[in-house]
Amino acid sequence: MLELRITKPDATLSHQVFRKETYTEQYIHVDSHHHPSQKLGVINTLSRRALKISNKDHIDEEQKHLIQVFMKNGYNCWVYVYILRMCVWRGGAHVSAAAGRSQKHLHRNDC
């Protein structure tokens, strides 16, 4: 299932991650008894999805949303920032230059 929203503001196409109205923002809680690799895998997957689907106009919005979601699930925001940087580093040609630059703007103030 592809979760993508395409809009056409100002005669150009824009795309971002789409969430249904029933989206609950619930993922594996940090205090659950799941293996740490499973917890980090959720963050990794959602980070990569955000970087690959969202265009440069929406990537910052998506990053801030994911930080808030994972903080609600008990995670320290720096876990997400670390995973995001790893996704950009591993992304190579699949990750846009805008997404790579965008992740540098995450500071302690965003957490």
C-alpha atoms as a PDB file:
ATOM      1  CA  MET A   1       0.000   0.000   0.000  1.00  0.00           C
ATOM      2  CA  LEU A   2       1.471   3.326  -1.064  1.00  0.00           C
ATOM      3  CA  GLU A   3       0.742   6.181   1.300  1.00  0.00           C
ATOM      4  CA  LEU A   4       1.375   9.201  -0.881  1.00  0.00           C
ATOM      5  CA  ARG A   5      -0.435  12.523  -1.231  1.00  0.00           C
ATOM      6  CA  ILE A   6       0.087  14.414  -4.481  1.00  0.00           C
ATOM      7  CA  THR A   7      -0.957  18.055  -4.738  1.00  0.00           C
ATOM      8  CA  LYS A   8      -0.644  20.636  -7.488  1.00  0.00           C
ATOM      9  CA  PRO A   9       0.007  24.088  -6.003  1.00  0.00           C
ATOM     10  CA  ASP A  10       1.118  26.741  -8.485  1.00  0.00           C
ATOM     11  CA  ALA A  11       1.191  24.427 -11.536  1.00  0.00           C
ATOM     12  CA  THR A  12       3.880  22.161 -10.028  1.00  0.00           C
ATOM     13  CA  LEU A  13       3.491  18.734  -8.466  1.00  0.00           C
ATOM     14  CA  SER A  14       4.147  18.262  -4.776  1.00  0.00           C
ATOM     15  CA  HIS A  15       4.196  15.003  -2.812  1.00  0.00           C
ATOM     16  CA  GLN A  16       4.283  13.962   0.831  1.00  0.00           C
ATOM     17  CA  VAL A  17       3.429  11.094   3.161  1.00  0.00           C
ATOM     18  CA  PHE A  18      -0.332  10.523   3.454  1.00  0.00           C
ATOM     19  CA  ARG A  19      -2.033   9.428   6.664  1.00  0.00           C
ATOM     20  CA  LYS A  20      -5.618   8.210   6.917  1.00  0.00           C
ATOM     21  CA  GLU A  21      -8.074   9.744   9.361  1.00  0.00           C
ATOM     22  CA  THR A  22      -7.787   6.582  11.459  1.00  0.00           C
ATOM     23  CA  TYR A  23      -4.016   7.033  11.917  1.00  0.00           C
ATOM     24  CA  THR A  24      -3.306   6.614  15.657  1.00  0.00           C
ATOM     25  CA  GLU A  25       0.423   7.474  15.901  1.00  0.00           C
ATOM     26  CA  GLN A  26       0.968   4.285  17.909  1.00  0.00           C
ATOM     27  CA  TYR A  27       4.108   2.286  17.295  1.00  0.00           C
ATOM     28  CA  ILE A  28       6.210  -0.023  19.457  1.00  0.00           C
ATOM     29  CA  HIS A  29       6.614   1.787  22.787  1.00  0.00           C
ATOM     30  CA  VAL A  30      10.134   2.225  24.060  1.00  0.00           C
ATOM     31  CA  ASP A  31       9.264   0.319  27.280  1.00  0.00           C
ATOM     32  CA  SER A  32       7.830  -2.706  25.469  1.00  0.00           C
ATOM     33  CA  HIS A  33       9.590  -6.061  25.595  1.00  0.00           C
ATOM     34  CA  HIS A  34      10.408  -6.050  21.897  1.00  0.00           C
ATOM     35  CA  HIS A  35      14.027  -6.480  20.851  1.00  0.00           C
ATOM     36  CA  PRO A  36      15.830  -3.125  20.455  1.00  0.00           C
ATOM     37  CA  SER A  37      16.475  -3.875  16.774  1.00  0.00           C
ATOM     38  CA  GLN A  38      12.708  -4.070  16.190  1.00  0.00           C
ATOM     39  CA  LYS A  39      12.178  -0.709  17.881  1.00  0.00           C
ATOM     40  CA  LEU A  40      14.928   0.924  15.844  1.00  0.00           C
ATOM     41  CA  GLY A  41      13.607  -0.785  12.720  1.00  0.00           C
ATOM     42  CA  VAL A  42      10.299   1.066  13.049  1.00  0.00           C
ATOM     43  CA  ILE A  43      12.112   4.403  13.345  1.00  0.00           C
ATOM     44  CA  ASN A  44      14.396   3.486  10.457  1.00  0.00           C
ATOM     45  CA  THR A  45      11.503   2.457   8.209  1.00  0.00           C
ATOM     46  CA  LEU A  46       9.441   5.576   8.861  1.00  0.00           C
ATOM     47  CA  SER A  47      12.496   7.810   8.433  1.00  0.00           C
ATOM     48  CA  ARG A  48      13.383   6.251   5.095  1.00  0.00           C
ATOM     49  CA  ARG A  49       9.780   6.530   3.951  1.00  0.00           C
ATOM     50  CA  ALA A  50       9.716  10.215   4.863  1.00  0.00           C
ATOM     51  CA  LEU A  51      12.966  10.873   3.009  1.00  0.00           C
ATOM     52  CA  LYS A  52      11.944   8.970  -0.108  1.00  0.00           C
ATOM     53  CA  ILE A  53       8.325  10.123  -0.426  1.00  0.00           C
ATOM     54  CA  SER A  54       8.312  13.722   0.817  1.00  0.00           C
ATOM     55  CA  ASN A  55       9.639  16.392  -1.493  1.00  0.00           C
ATOM     56  CA  LYS A  56      11.781  19.291  -0.290  1.00  0.00           C
ATOM     57  CA  ASP A  57       8.740  21.413   0.561  1.00  0.00           C
ATOM     58  CA  HIS A  58       7.402  18.858   3.059  1.00  0.00           C
ATOM     59  CA  ILE A  59      10.465  17.058   4.444  1.00  0.00           C
ATOM     60  CA  ASP A  60      10.937  19.383   7.425  1.00  0.00           C
ATOM     61  CA  GLU A  61       7.267  19.076   8.356  1.00  0.00           C
ATOM     62  CA  GLU A  62       7.487  15.276   8.159  1.00  0.00           C
ATOM     63  CA  GLN A  63      10.648  15.145  10.284  1.00  0.00           C
ATOM     64  CA  LYS A  64       9.087  17.257  13.025  1.00  0.00           C
ATOM     65  CA  HIS A  65       5.964  15.093  12.935  1.00  0.00           C
ATOM     66  CA  LEU A  66       7.976  11.890  13.354  1.00  0.00           C
ATOM     67  CA  ILE A  67       9.961  13.351  16.256  1.00  0.00           C
ATOM     68  CA  GLN A  68       6.692  14.218  18.023  1.00  0.00           C
ATOM     69  CA  VAL A  69       5.233  10.771  17.326  1.00  0.00           C
ATOM     70  CA  PHE A  70       8.238   8.921  18.707  1.00  0.00           C
ATOM     71  CA  MET A  71       8.440  11.178  21.747  1.00  0.00           C
ATOM     72  CA  LYS A  72       4.777  10.290  22.436  1.00  0.00           C
ATOM     73  CA  ASN A  73       5.860   6.638  22.289  1.00  0.00           C
ATOM     74  CA  GLY A  74       8.548   7.246  24.919  1.00  0.00           C
ATOM     75  CA  TYR A  75      11.611   7.604  22.708  1.00  0.00           C
ATOM     76  CA  ASN A  76      14.301  10.214  23.183  1.00  0.00           C
ATOM     77  CA  CYS A  77      14.225  12.482  20.131  1.00  0.00           C
ATOM     78  CA  TRP A  78      17.951  11.960  19.599  1.00  0.00           C
ATOM     79  CA  VAL A  79      17.324   8.300  18.745  1.00  0.00           C
ATOM     80  CA  TYR A  80      15.219   9.487  15.813  1.00  0.00           C
ATOM     81  CA  VAL A  81      17.795  12.123  14.776  1.00  0.00           C
ATOM     82  CA  TYR A  82      20.532   9.456  14.809  1.00  0.00           C
ATOM     83  CA  ILE A  83      18.471   7.103  12.643  1.00  0.00           C
ATOM     84  CA  LEU A  84      17.568   9.934  10.284  1.00  0.00           C
ATOM     85  CA  ARG A  85      21.224  10.787   9.795  1.00  0.00           C
ATOM     86  CA  MET A  86      22.019   7.131   9.148  1.00  0.00           C
ATOM     87  CA  CYS A  87      19.250   7.013   6.524  1.00  0.00           C
ATOM     88  CA  VAL A  88      20.669  10.071   4.777  1.00  0.00           C
ATOM     89  CA  TRP A  89      24.183   8.643   4.961  1.00  0.00           C
ATOM     90  CA  ARG A  90      23.118   5.249   3.566  1.00  0.00           C
ATOM     91  CA  GLY A  91      20.606   6.686   1.109  1.00  0.00           C
ATOM     92  CA  GLY A  92      23.072   7.609  -1.609  1.00  0.00           C
ATOM     93  CA  ALA A  93      21.301   8.494  -4.838  1.00  0.00           C
ATOM     94  CA  HIS A  94      17.907   7.481  -3.436  1.00  0.00           C
ATOM     95  CA  VAL A  95      17.830  10.367  -0.962  1.00  0.00           C
ATOM     96  CA  SER A  96      17.441  13.840  -2.386  1.00  0.00           C
ATOM     97  CA  ALA A  97      20.011  16.509  -1.675  1.00  0.00           C
ATOM     98  CA  ALA A  98      17.268  18.603  -0.053  1.00  0.00           C
ATOM     99  CA  ALA A  99      16.579  15.838   2.465  1.00  0.00           C
ATOM    100  CA  GLY A 100      20.264  15.595   3.266  1.00  0.00           C
ATOM    101  CA  ARG A 101      20.479  19.315   3.917  1.00  0.00           C
ATOM    102  CA  SER A 102      17.210  19.312   5.809  1.00  0.00           C
ATOM    103  CA  GLN A 103      18.366  16.883   8.480  1.00  0.00           C
ATOM    104  CA  LYS A 104      21.159  19.286   9.439  1.00  0.00           C
ATOM    105  CA  HIS A 105      18.541  21.765  10.662  1.00  0.00           C
ATOM    106  CA  LEU A 106      17.445  19.516  13.531  1.00  0.00           C
ATOM    107  CA  HIS A 107      18.839  21.001  16.716  1.00  0.00           C
ATOM    108  CA  ARG A 108      18.141  20.571  20.398  1.00  0.00           C
ATOM    109  CA  ASN A 109      15.430  23.218  20.090  1.00  0.00           C
ATOM    110  CA  ASP A 110      13.393  20.839  17.894  1.00  0.00           C
ATOM    111  CA  CYS A 111      13.297  18.179  20.612  1.00  0.00           C
END
